[in-house]
Protein backbone atom coordinates (compact mmCIF):
# COMPACT_ATOMS: atom_id res chain seq x y z
CA UNK A 1 26.08 -20.86 160.66
CA UNK A 2 29.75 -19.91 160.49
CA UNK A 3 29.83 -21.04 156.85
CA UNK A 4 26.90 -18.73 156.04
CA UNK A 5 28.68 -15.78 157.67
CA UNK A 6 31.85 -16.59 155.75
CA UNK A 7 29.94 -16.78 152.45
CA UNK A 8 28.14 -13.51 153.22
CA UNK A 9 31.42 -11.77 154.03
CA UNK A 10 33.05 -13.12 150.87
CA UNK A 11 30.11 -11.98 148.74
CA UNK A 12 30.26 -8.53 150.32
CA UNK A 13 33.96 -8.27 149.56
CA UNK A 14 33.53 -9.36 145.96
CA UNK A 15 30.53 -7.16 145.30
CA UNK A 16 32.07 -4.25 147.16
CA UNK A 17 35.15 -4.33 144.96
CA UNK A 18 33.03 -4.49 141.81
CA UNK A 19 30.84 -1.62 142.93
CA UNK A 20 33.80 0.52 143.90
CA UNK A 21 35.40 -0.04 140.50
CA UNK A 22 32.24 0.71 138.52
CA UNK A 23 32.16 4.08 136.78
CA UNK A 24 29.35 6.44 137.74
CA UNK A 25 26.19 6.17 135.67
CA UNK A 26 25.87 8.71 132.90
CA UNK A 27 22.54 10.41 132.39
CA UNK A 28 21.21 12.92 129.95
CA UNK A 29 20.38 16.23 131.54
CA UNK A 30 16.93 16.39 129.97
CA UNK A 31 14.84 15.84 133.10
CA UNK A 32 13.53 12.44 132.01
CA UNK A 33 13.46 9.57 134.53
CA UNK A 34 14.77 11.68 137.39
CA UNK A 35 12.54 9.48 139.54
CA UNK A 36 11.25 6.01 138.65
CA UNK A 37 7.80 5.68 137.13
CA UNK A 38 5.42 5.34 140.06
CA UNK A 39 1.90 4.00 140.02
CA UNK A 40 -0.37 0.99 140.41
CA UNK A 41 -0.41 -2.19 138.34
CA UNK A 42 -3.46 -4.46 138.18
CA UNK A 43 -1.64 -7.78 137.85
CA UNK A 44 -0.34 -8.17 141.40
CA UNK A 45 -3.80 -7.90 142.96
CA UNK A 46 -6.26 -9.01 140.30
CA UNK A 47 -4.46 -10.89 137.53
CA UNK A 48 -6.99 -11.52 134.75
CA UNK A 49 -9.95 -10.85 137.06
CA UNK A 50 -9.48 -7.06 137.01
CA UNK A 51 -12.58 -4.98 136.34
CA UNK A 52 -13.21 -1.39 135.33
CA UNK A 53 -14.50 -0.72 138.85
CA UNK A 54 -11.21 -2.03 140.36
CA UNK A 55 -9.14 0.25 138.14
CA UNK A 56 -11.30 3.31 138.87
CA UNK A 57 -11.16 2.61 142.62
CA UNK A 58 -7.36 2.40 142.57
CA UNK A 59 -7.06 5.62 140.57
CA UNK A 60 -9.38 7.37 143.04
CA UNK A 61 -7.36 6.00 145.97
CA UNK A 62 -4.09 7.33 144.52
CA UNK A 63 -5.62 10.81 144.45
CA UNK A 64 -7.48 10.55 147.79
CA UNK A 65 -4.40 9.39 149.72
CA UNK A 66 -2.19 12.13 148.30
CA UNK A 67 0.05 9.75 146.36
CA UNK A 68 -0.64 11.60 143.11
CA UNK A 69 0.85 14.75 144.64
CA UNK A 70 3.99 12.73 145.42
CA UNK A 71 4.47 11.61 141.82
CA UNK A 72 2.30 8.51 141.50
CA UNK A 73 0.81 9.07 138.07
CA UNK A 74 0.29 5.67 136.45
CA UNK A 75 -2.64 3.27 136.66
CA UNK A 76 -1.86 0.27 134.47
CA UNK A 77 -4.10 -2.57 133.35
CA UNK A 78 -1.32 -5.07 132.87
CA UNK A 79 -2.81 -8.03 131.04
CA UNK A 80 -6.01 -9.70 129.94
CA UNK A 81 -7.50 -6.49 128.56
CA UNK A 82 -7.16 -7.51 124.93
CA UNK A 83 -9.48 -9.58 122.77
CA UNK A 84 -8.32 -12.97 121.53
CA UNK A 85 -8.38 -11.75 117.91
CA UNK A 86 -6.66 -8.73 116.42
CA UNK A 87 -8.40 -6.24 114.14
CA UNK A 88 -8.12 -6.30 110.33
CA UNK A 89 -4.89 -4.28 110.46
CA UNK A 90 -3.31 -6.70 112.95
CA UNK A 91 -3.54 -4.36 115.96
CA UNK A 92 -4.57 -5.51 119.42
CA UNK A 93 -8.09 -4.54 120.37
CA UNK A 94 -9.90 -4.36 123.69
CA UNK A 95 -12.01 -7.27 124.88
CA UNK A 96 -15.50 -5.79 125.04
CA UNK A 97 -16.88 -8.43 127.42
CA UNK A 98 -17.75 -7.01 130.87
CA UNK A 99 -15.28 -9.24 132.73
CA UNK A 100 -13.38 -12.46 132.41
CA UNK A 101 -12.65 -15.03 135.08
CA UNK A 102 -9.09 -15.04 136.41
């Protein structure tokens, strides 16, 4: 227990000195990324079992709960949306099957 407190205090001292010595972050004054991108991502809840109905329900919920007014503007289908084969030009294409098991 005492060893853990000692290690925590040492880490705080080391990190504190590094943070204090770090220069402030520079940013362009163009308005981009003033807040982080905020939204919903399918992977954490559904993985590869996501459906169109799931995505639509989440988008509706973001609006209904007022999150969209607070800056939540993304609804992302993370993975498993693409077909196994690419098109003739080599581009990814959507998997047209209704759903796939997770």
